Structures are given as structure tokens and as C-alpha cells.
N, C-alpha and C. Protein backbone atom coordinates (compact mmCIF):
# COMPACT_ATOMS: atom_id res chain seq x y z
N MET A 1 -39.43 13.42 68.71
CA MET A 1 -39.86 12.75 69.93
C MET A 1 -39.34 13.53 71.13
N SER A 2 -40.21 13.99 71.94
CA SER A 2 -39.84 14.76 73.11
C SER A 2 -39.89 13.88 74.35
N LEU A 3 -38.87 14.01 75.17
CA LEU A 3 -38.78 13.24 76.41
C LEU A 3 -38.81 14.22 77.59
N LYS A 4 -39.46 13.82 78.66
CA LYS A 4 -39.49 14.67 79.85
C LYS A 4 -38.12 14.66 80.52
N MET A 5 -37.68 15.82 80.97
CA MET A 5 -36.38 15.92 81.63
C MET A 5 -36.36 15.07 82.90
N SER A 6 -37.50 14.91 83.54
CA SER A 6 -37.56 14.13 84.77
C SER A 6 -37.35 12.64 84.53
N GLU A 7 -37.43 12.18 83.28
CA GLU A 7 -37.24 10.77 82.95
C GLU A 7 -35.78 10.38 82.83
N PHE A 8 -34.90 11.35 82.68
CA PHE A 8 -33.50 11.05 82.46
C PHE A 8 -32.80 10.62 83.73
N HIS A 9 -32.00 9.56 83.62
CA HIS A 9 -31.15 9.14 84.73
C HIS A 9 -29.90 10.01 84.65
N GLY A 10 -29.35 10.37 85.78
CA GLY A 10 -28.11 11.16 85.77
C GLY A 10 -28.35 12.66 85.81
N ILE A 11 -29.59 13.11 85.86
CA ILE A 11 -29.87 14.53 86.02
C ILE A 11 -30.41 14.72 87.44
N ASP A 12 -29.72 15.51 88.21
CA ASP A 12 -30.09 15.78 89.60
C ASP A 12 -31.53 16.30 89.66
N PRO A 13 -32.34 15.76 90.57
CA PRO A 13 -33.73 16.24 90.69
C PRO A 13 -33.82 17.75 90.94
N ALA A 14 -32.84 18.34 91.63
CA ALA A 14 -32.84 19.79 91.83
C ALA A 14 -32.67 20.51 90.49
N HIS A 15 -31.89 19.92 89.59
CA HIS A 15 -31.73 20.50 88.25
C HIS A 15 -33.04 20.39 87.46
N VAL A 16 -33.73 19.28 87.60
CA VAL A 16 -35.01 19.10 86.91
C VAL A 16 -35.99 20.18 87.40
N THR A 17 -36.00 20.45 88.70
CA THR A 17 -36.87 21.48 89.26
C THR A 17 -36.49 22.86 88.74
N ALA A 18 -35.19 23.16 88.69
CA ALA A 18 -34.72 24.45 88.17
C ALA A 18 -35.06 24.60 86.69
N LEU A 19 -34.93 23.51 85.93
CA LEU A 19 -35.28 23.55 84.51
C LEU A 19 -36.77 23.84 84.34
N ALA A 20 -37.60 23.17 85.13
CA ALA A 20 -39.04 23.37 85.05
C ALA A 20 -39.40 24.83 85.37
N ALA A 21 -38.74 25.39 86.38
CA ALA A 21 -38.99 26.79 86.75
C ALA A 21 -38.62 27.74 85.62
N ALA A 22 -37.66 27.33 84.78
CA ALA A 22 -37.24 28.14 83.63
C ALA A 22 -38.05 27.82 82.38
N GLY A 23 -39.07 26.97 82.51
CA GLY A 23 -39.93 26.64 81.38
C GLY A 23 -39.44 25.48 80.53
N ILE A 24 -38.52 24.70 81.07
CA ILE A 24 -37.98 23.55 80.33
C ILE A 24 -38.49 22.27 80.98
N GLU A 25 -39.52 21.70 80.37
CA GLU A 25 -40.11 20.47 80.87
C GLU A 25 -39.62 19.24 80.11
N ASN A 26 -39.21 19.44 78.85
CA ASN A 26 -38.87 18.29 78.01
C ASN A 26 -37.69 18.63 77.09
N THR A 27 -37.27 17.64 76.32
CA THR A 27 -36.10 17.82 75.46
C THR A 27 -36.34 18.83 74.35
N ASP A 28 -37.57 18.94 73.86
CA ASP A 28 -37.85 19.95 72.83
C ASP A 28 -37.64 21.36 73.39
N ASP A 29 -38.13 21.59 74.62
CA ASP A 29 -37.93 22.89 75.26
C ASP A 29 -36.44 23.19 75.43
N LEU A 30 -35.71 22.20 75.90
CA LEU A 30 -34.28 22.37 76.13
C LEU A 30 -33.54 22.69 74.83
N MET A 31 -33.80 21.91 73.80
CA MET A 31 -33.07 22.10 72.55
C MET A 31 -33.43 23.42 71.86
N LYS A 32 -34.65 23.87 72.03
CA LYS A 32 -35.07 25.15 71.45
C LYS A 32 -34.25 26.29 72.06
N ILE A 33 -34.12 26.28 73.37
CA ILE A 33 -33.35 27.33 74.04
C ILE A 33 -31.85 27.11 73.84
N TRP A 34 -31.41 25.87 73.96
CA TRP A 34 -29.98 25.57 73.86
C TRP A 34 -29.42 25.91 72.48
N SER A 35 -30.22 25.78 71.45
CA SER A 35 -29.73 26.05 70.09
C SER A 35 -29.48 27.54 69.85
N ASP A 36 -29.98 28.41 70.73
CA ASP A 36 -29.75 29.85 70.63
C ASP A 36 -28.63 30.23 71.59
N LYS A 37 -27.43 30.38 71.05
CA LYS A 37 -26.26 30.66 71.90
C LYS A 37 -26.45 31.89 72.78
N GLY A 38 -27.22 32.84 72.30
CA GLY A 38 -27.48 34.04 73.07
C GLY A 38 -28.27 33.78 74.34
N GLN A 39 -29.10 32.75 74.32
CA GLN A 39 -29.92 32.43 75.50
C GLN A 39 -29.22 31.53 76.50
N ARG A 40 -28.12 30.89 76.08
CA ARG A 40 -27.45 29.92 76.97
C ARG A 40 -26.98 30.54 78.28
N ALA A 41 -26.25 31.65 78.18
CA ALA A 41 -25.70 32.27 79.39
C ALA A 41 -26.84 32.70 80.32
N GLY A 42 -27.89 33.28 79.74
CA GLY A 42 -29.03 33.69 80.56
C GLY A 42 -29.70 32.52 81.23
N LEU A 43 -29.79 31.41 80.52
CA LEU A 43 -30.40 30.21 81.07
C LEU A 43 -29.57 29.70 82.25
N ALA A 44 -28.25 29.70 82.08
CA ALA A 44 -27.37 29.26 83.17
C ALA A 44 -27.54 30.17 84.38
N ALA A 45 -27.61 31.47 84.13
CA ALA A 45 -27.76 32.43 85.23
C ALA A 45 -29.12 32.27 85.93
N ARG A 46 -30.19 32.09 85.15
CA ARG A 46 -31.54 31.96 85.72
C ARG A 46 -31.71 30.70 86.54
N THR A 47 -31.08 29.62 86.11
CA THR A 47 -31.30 28.33 86.77
C THR A 47 -30.23 27.98 87.80
N GLY A 48 -29.06 28.60 87.68
CA GLY A 48 -27.96 28.23 88.56
C GLY A 48 -27.28 26.94 88.13
N ILE A 49 -27.61 26.47 86.93
CA ILE A 49 -27.02 25.26 86.38
C ILE A 49 -25.89 25.67 85.44
N SER A 50 -24.74 25.07 85.59
CA SER A 50 -23.59 25.45 84.78
C SER A 50 -23.80 25.12 83.30
N GLU A 51 -23.11 25.87 82.43
CA GLU A 51 -23.18 25.58 80.99
C GLU A 51 -22.66 24.18 80.71
N GLU A 52 -21.69 23.72 81.48
CA GLU A 52 -21.17 22.35 81.31
C GLU A 52 -22.28 21.33 81.52
N ASN A 53 -23.09 21.53 82.56
CA ASN A 53 -24.21 20.62 82.79
C ASN A 53 -25.23 20.74 81.67
N PHE A 54 -25.49 21.96 81.19
CA PHE A 54 -26.41 22.11 80.07
C PHE A 54 -25.90 21.39 78.83
N MET A 55 -24.61 21.42 78.60
CA MET A 55 -24.04 20.70 77.46
C MET A 55 -24.29 19.20 77.61
N ARG A 56 -24.14 18.71 78.84
CA ARG A 56 -24.40 17.29 79.10
C ARG A 56 -25.87 16.96 78.89
N PHE A 57 -26.75 17.83 79.38
CA PHE A 57 -28.19 17.60 79.21
C PHE A 57 -28.56 17.61 77.72
N ALA A 58 -27.98 18.54 76.96
CA ALA A 58 -28.27 18.61 75.52
C ALA A 58 -27.78 17.35 74.81
N ALA A 59 -26.61 16.86 75.20
CA ALA A 59 -26.09 15.62 74.60
C ALA A 59 -27.02 14.45 74.92
N MET A 60 -27.48 14.39 76.16
CA MET A 60 -28.41 13.33 76.54
C MET A 60 -29.72 13.45 75.76
N ALA A 61 -30.19 14.68 75.55
CA ALA A 61 -31.42 14.89 74.80
C ALA A 61 -31.26 14.42 73.36
N ARG A 62 -30.12 14.74 72.73
CA ARG A 62 -29.88 14.30 71.35
C ARG A 62 -29.83 12.78 71.27
N LEU A 63 -29.10 12.16 72.18
CA LEU A 63 -28.98 10.70 72.17
C LEU A 63 -30.30 10.02 72.53
N GLY A 64 -31.09 10.65 73.36
CA GLY A 64 -32.36 10.07 73.79
C GLY A 64 -33.35 9.90 72.65
N ARG A 65 -33.10 10.55 71.53
CA ARG A 65 -33.99 10.45 70.38
C ARG A 65 -33.65 9.28 69.47
N VAL A 66 -32.54 8.60 69.75
CA VAL A 66 -32.15 7.46 68.94
C VAL A 66 -33.11 6.31 69.22
N LYS A 67 -33.68 5.76 68.17
CA LYS A 67 -34.64 4.67 68.32
C LYS A 67 -34.00 3.49 69.04
N GLY A 68 -34.67 3.01 70.07
CA GLY A 68 -34.19 1.86 70.83
C GLY A 68 -33.26 2.22 71.97
N MET A 69 -32.92 3.50 72.11
CA MET A 69 -32.00 3.93 73.16
C MET A 69 -32.70 3.89 74.51
N SER A 70 -32.06 3.24 75.46
CA SER A 70 -32.57 3.20 76.82
C SER A 70 -32.10 4.46 77.55
N LEU A 71 -32.99 5.11 78.25
CA LEU A 71 -32.62 6.32 78.97
C LEU A 71 -31.55 6.06 80.03
N GLN A 72 -31.47 4.81 80.50
CA GLN A 72 -30.44 4.46 81.48
C GLN A 72 -29.04 4.54 80.89
N ASN A 73 -28.92 4.44 79.56
CA ASN A 73 -27.61 4.47 78.92
C ASN A 73 -27.09 5.87 78.61
N LEU A 74 -27.94 6.86 78.67
CA LEU A 74 -27.56 8.20 78.22
C LEU A 74 -26.41 8.80 79.01
N ASP A 75 -26.51 8.80 80.32
CA ASP A 75 -25.47 9.40 81.15
C ASP A 75 -24.14 8.68 80.94
N PHE A 76 -24.21 7.36 80.81
CA PHE A 76 -23.00 6.57 80.58
C PHE A 76 -22.35 6.95 79.25
N LEU A 77 -23.15 7.04 78.19
CA LEU A 77 -22.61 7.39 76.87
C LEU A 77 -21.97 8.77 76.88
N VAL A 78 -22.64 9.73 77.49
CA VAL A 78 -22.10 11.09 77.53
C VAL A 78 -20.81 11.13 78.35
N ALA A 79 -20.77 10.41 79.46
CA ALA A 79 -19.54 10.35 80.27
C ALA A 79 -18.40 9.73 79.49
N ALA A 80 -18.72 8.85 78.55
CA ALA A 80 -17.70 8.20 77.72
C ALA A 80 -17.30 9.06 76.51
N GLY A 81 -17.93 10.24 76.37
CA GLY A 81 -17.55 11.14 75.28
C GLY A 81 -18.43 11.05 74.04
N ILE A 82 -19.52 10.30 74.12
CA ILE A 82 -20.47 10.21 73.00
C ILE A 82 -21.50 11.30 73.24
N ASP A 83 -21.47 12.35 72.43
CA ASP A 83 -22.31 13.52 72.70
C ASP A 83 -23.47 13.72 71.73
N GLY A 84 -23.70 12.76 70.87
CA GLY A 84 -24.83 12.87 69.95
C GLY A 84 -24.82 11.75 68.93
N PRO A 85 -25.88 11.68 68.14
CA PRO A 85 -25.97 10.62 67.14
C PRO A 85 -24.83 10.60 66.13
N LYS A 86 -24.35 11.76 65.74
CA LYS A 86 -23.26 11.79 64.75
C LYS A 86 -22.04 11.04 65.29
N ARG A 87 -21.68 11.30 66.50
CA ARG A 87 -20.54 10.60 67.12
C ARG A 87 -20.88 9.13 67.34
N LEU A 88 -22.08 8.86 67.82
CA LEU A 88 -22.52 7.49 68.08
C LEU A 88 -22.40 6.63 66.82
N PHE A 89 -22.92 7.16 65.72
CA PHE A 89 -22.96 6.38 64.49
C PHE A 89 -21.66 6.44 63.69
N SER A 90 -20.62 7.05 64.26
CA SER A 90 -19.31 7.00 63.61
C SER A 90 -18.62 5.67 63.92
N TYR A 91 -19.21 4.89 64.81
CA TYR A 91 -18.71 3.57 65.19
C TYR A 91 -19.55 2.48 64.54
N SER A 92 -19.03 1.28 64.52
CA SER A 92 -19.86 0.10 64.30
C SER A 92 -20.34 -0.32 65.69
N ALA A 93 -21.34 -1.16 65.76
CA ALA A 93 -21.84 -1.60 67.06
C ALA A 93 -20.73 -2.28 67.87
N GLU A 94 -19.95 -3.12 67.21
CA GLU A 94 -18.87 -3.84 67.89
C GLU A 94 -17.78 -2.89 68.37
N ALA A 95 -17.40 -1.93 67.52
CA ALA A 95 -16.35 -0.98 67.90
C ALA A 95 -16.82 -0.09 69.05
N LEU A 96 -18.10 0.29 69.04
CA LEU A 96 -18.62 1.11 70.12
C LEU A 96 -18.62 0.34 71.43
N ALA A 97 -19.02 -0.92 71.41
CA ALA A 97 -19.00 -1.74 72.62
C ALA A 97 -17.58 -1.84 73.17
N LYS A 98 -16.62 -2.04 72.30
CA LYS A 98 -15.22 -2.12 72.71
C LYS A 98 -14.75 -0.79 73.30
N TYR A 99 -15.09 0.32 72.62
CA TYR A 99 -14.72 1.65 73.09
C TYR A 99 -15.31 1.93 74.47
N LEU A 100 -16.59 1.61 74.66
CA LEU A 100 -17.23 1.86 75.95
C LEU A 100 -16.59 1.02 77.05
N GLY A 101 -16.23 -0.22 76.72
CA GLY A 101 -15.53 -1.06 77.69
C GLY A 101 -14.20 -0.44 78.11
N ALA A 102 -13.49 0.13 77.15
CA ALA A 102 -12.21 0.79 77.46
C ALA A 102 -12.43 2.04 78.29
N MET A 103 -13.53 2.75 78.04
CA MET A 103 -13.81 3.98 78.79
C MET A 103 -14.15 3.68 80.25
N VAL A 104 -14.74 2.51 80.52
CA VAL A 104 -15.03 2.12 81.90
C VAL A 104 -13.74 2.12 82.69
N VAL A 105 -12.69 1.56 82.09
CA VAL A 105 -11.40 1.46 82.77
C VAL A 105 -10.71 2.82 82.79
N GLU A 106 -10.60 3.46 81.62
CA GLU A 106 -9.85 4.71 81.50
C GLU A 106 -10.43 5.84 82.33
N LYS A 107 -11.74 6.01 82.28
CA LYS A 107 -12.39 7.12 82.99
C LYS A 107 -13.00 6.69 84.32
N LYS A 108 -12.80 5.41 84.68
CA LYS A 108 -13.33 4.87 85.92
C LYS A 108 -14.84 5.12 86.04
N LEU A 109 -15.55 4.82 84.95
CA LEU A 109 -16.99 5.01 84.93
C LEU A 109 -17.68 3.94 85.76
N THR A 110 -18.73 4.33 86.42
CA THR A 110 -19.52 3.37 87.18
C THR A 110 -20.73 2.98 86.35
N GLY A 111 -21.32 1.91 86.67
CA GLY A 111 -22.47 1.43 85.92
C GLY A 111 -22.03 0.41 84.88
N THR A 112 -23.00 -0.13 84.23
CA THR A 112 -22.75 -1.16 83.24
C THR A 112 -22.93 -0.57 81.85
N PRO A 113 -21.93 -0.73 80.99
CA PRO A 113 -22.11 -0.23 79.63
C PRO A 113 -23.15 -1.05 78.89
N PRO A 114 -23.76 -0.46 77.87
CA PRO A 114 -24.74 -1.22 77.10
C PRO A 114 -24.05 -2.41 76.42
N THR A 115 -24.80 -3.46 76.21
CA THR A 115 -24.26 -4.65 75.56
C THR A 115 -24.17 -4.42 74.05
N THR A 116 -23.42 -5.27 73.39
CA THR A 116 -23.32 -5.19 71.93
C THR A 116 -24.69 -5.37 71.30
N GLU A 117 -25.54 -6.21 71.88
CA GLU A 117 -26.89 -6.42 71.36
C GLU A 117 -27.74 -5.16 71.49
N GLU A 118 -27.64 -4.49 72.64
CA GLU A 118 -28.37 -3.23 72.82
C GLU A 118 -27.90 -2.20 71.80
N ILE A 119 -26.60 -2.10 71.64
CA ILE A 119 -26.03 -1.14 70.70
C ILE A 119 -26.46 -1.47 69.28
N ALA A 120 -26.45 -2.74 68.92
CA ALA A 120 -26.86 -3.15 67.57
C ALA A 120 -28.29 -2.71 67.28
N ALA A 121 -29.15 -2.70 68.29
CA ALA A 121 -30.54 -2.26 68.09
C ALA A 121 -30.59 -0.79 67.68
N TRP A 122 -29.69 0.04 68.20
CA TRP A 122 -29.65 1.45 67.83
C TRP A 122 -29.27 1.59 66.35
N PHE A 123 -28.37 0.72 65.91
CA PHE A 123 -27.87 0.79 64.54
C PHE A 123 -28.85 0.19 63.53
N ALA A 124 -29.87 -0.53 64.02
CA ALA A 124 -30.86 -1.12 63.12
C ALA A 124 -31.67 -0.03 62.42
N ASN A 125 -31.84 1.11 63.07
CA ASN A 125 -32.54 2.26 62.48
C ASN A 125 -31.81 3.51 62.91
N PRO A 126 -30.73 3.88 62.21
CA PRO A 126 -29.87 4.96 62.67
C PRO A 126 -30.45 6.36 62.55
N ARG A 127 -31.59 6.53 61.96
CA ARG A 127 -32.20 7.86 61.87
C ARG A 127 -33.23 8.00 62.99
N PRO A 128 -32.88 8.71 64.05
CA PRO A 128 -33.76 8.80 65.21
C PRO A 128 -34.88 9.81 65.08
N GLY A 129 -35.43 9.98 63.93
CA GLY A 129 -36.55 10.90 63.77
C GLY A 129 -36.12 12.18 63.10
N THR A 130 -36.59 13.28 63.61
CA THR A 130 -36.36 14.56 62.96
C THR A 130 -35.36 15.42 63.71
N ASN A 131 -34.44 14.82 64.45
CA ASN A 131 -33.51 15.63 65.22
C ASN A 131 -32.26 16.01 64.43
N GLY A 132 -32.21 15.71 63.14
CA GLY A 132 -31.07 16.11 62.33
C GLY A 132 -29.90 15.17 62.40
N ALA A 133 -30.06 14.03 63.02
CA ALA A 133 -28.95 13.08 63.12
C ALA A 133 -28.60 12.54 61.75
N VAL A 134 -27.37 12.12 61.63
CA VAL A 134 -26.91 11.57 60.37
C VAL A 134 -27.19 10.09 60.31
N SER A 135 -27.11 9.54 59.13
CA SER A 135 -27.30 8.11 58.98
C SER A 135 -26.02 7.38 59.34
N ALA A 136 -26.11 6.08 59.48
CA ALA A 136 -24.97 5.27 59.89
C ALA A 136 -23.86 5.29 58.85
N ASP A 137 -24.15 5.66 57.60
CA ASP A 137 -23.09 5.65 56.59
C ASP A 137 -22.47 7.02 56.38
N ALA A 138 -22.79 7.98 57.24
CA ALA A 138 -22.21 9.30 57.10
C ALA A 138 -20.78 9.33 57.62
N LYS A 139 -20.02 10.30 57.13
CA LYS A 139 -18.64 10.44 57.56
C LYS A 139 -18.58 11.23 58.86
N PRO A 140 -17.76 10.78 59.83
CA PRO A 140 -17.62 11.54 61.07
C PRO A 140 -16.74 12.76 60.80
N GLU A 141 -16.82 13.73 61.71
CA GLU A 141 -15.94 14.88 61.60
C GLU A 141 -14.51 14.42 61.75
N ALA A 142 -13.61 15.06 61.01
CA ALA A 142 -12.21 14.64 61.00
C ALA A 142 -11.59 14.71 62.39
N ASP A 143 -11.88 15.77 63.13
CA ASP A 143 -11.26 15.93 64.45
C ASP A 143 -11.97 15.12 65.53
N ALA A 144 -13.10 14.51 65.22
CA ALA A 144 -13.85 13.76 66.23
C ALA A 144 -13.74 12.27 66.00
N LYS A 145 -12.81 11.82 65.17
CA LYS A 145 -12.70 10.40 64.85
C LYS A 145 -12.13 9.63 66.04
N PRO A 146 -12.96 8.84 66.72
CA PRO A 146 -12.47 8.05 67.83
C PRO A 146 -11.78 6.78 67.33
N GLU A 147 -10.95 6.23 68.18
CA GLU A 147 -10.28 4.97 67.83
C GLU A 147 -11.33 3.90 67.60
N GLY A 148 -11.19 3.15 66.54
CA GLY A 148 -12.12 2.08 66.23
C GLY A 148 -13.33 2.56 65.45
N ALA A 149 -13.31 3.84 65.06
CA ALA A 149 -14.43 4.37 64.31
C ALA A 149 -14.38 3.92 62.86
N ILE A 150 -15.52 3.91 62.25
CA ILE A 150 -15.62 3.56 60.84
C ILE A 150 -15.58 4.86 60.04
N VAL A 151 -14.76 4.93 59.05
CA VAL A 151 -14.73 6.10 58.18
C VAL A 151 -15.05 5.60 56.78
N HIS A 152 -16.11 6.12 56.20
CA HIS A 152 -16.56 5.69 54.88
C HIS A 152 -15.99 6.60 53.83
């Protein structure tokens, strides 16, 4: 499922314009280029967008493919350290809601975190298509285990 870069909340419109000028209109375009480490530096140079921002955009693109995910939640999740489905599904819905609530305070995040009900909808179908995400019963990476995560 490809999403237009202009649909994402939290991406500066000037960045969307620079991405379009570089031939990146949607998440498929972004992930195709981003997955080639050799092209990353050139992309940053061509667009004037930092690699850090590209990492954030790629994380938002990966999360945006999760079934039931609201695009309004993407920037919030990435700011809280959730950078893709693998990390997202290392939590239970309840633990993730608790973690996000703690991140609001710790990182002084603005906006409203998703509700437990919204999060539960993501977990109802944890395979967001063909983006390579893991299922909800997969083991998280050892070094990426967040507090409150489920380890099977």
C-alpha cells in the first residue's frame, strides 16, 4: 500500500516539494531509494533534507502501512521511538498505550497519543501487507526491547 508523502502529518510542505522534485511522490518511491544505502547520501544532498529527517520519513512510511493506522499518529509514534512495525508489535496494545503516555511526559511530546482502542485496532491484523513487517507473536530484537514489551 503506497501513501502519498503529502498526506503525512509532521512532514514540512517544503520537504514534500523537495521530495517530489527528487522523484519521490509516495512511500513506495521513498522506500525504494531509502533501502539503497548508496543512494541515501545523494538523496540528502539533492534535496537538502537531512538523513535524520529521511530516517523519520522512512519510519513513518513503514508505520503508515499498518492496517488501521491513522496518519495523524505517525509523527507521534516516531517521536516516541516507535520506528516500524517490528518495534510497534513488540508491545501489547495496553503496554504500548502506557509507554506512549510516559513518552508524552518524558519527551514533552505535543499532541494526543492514540487511545488503547485505536492501538488495539492495529493489533487486530498485525501484518500490514507486503512491507515485511513481523507478526504480533514475533520476538523483538534483544537490544530494542522497550519497557513493558512482550517477549515470546
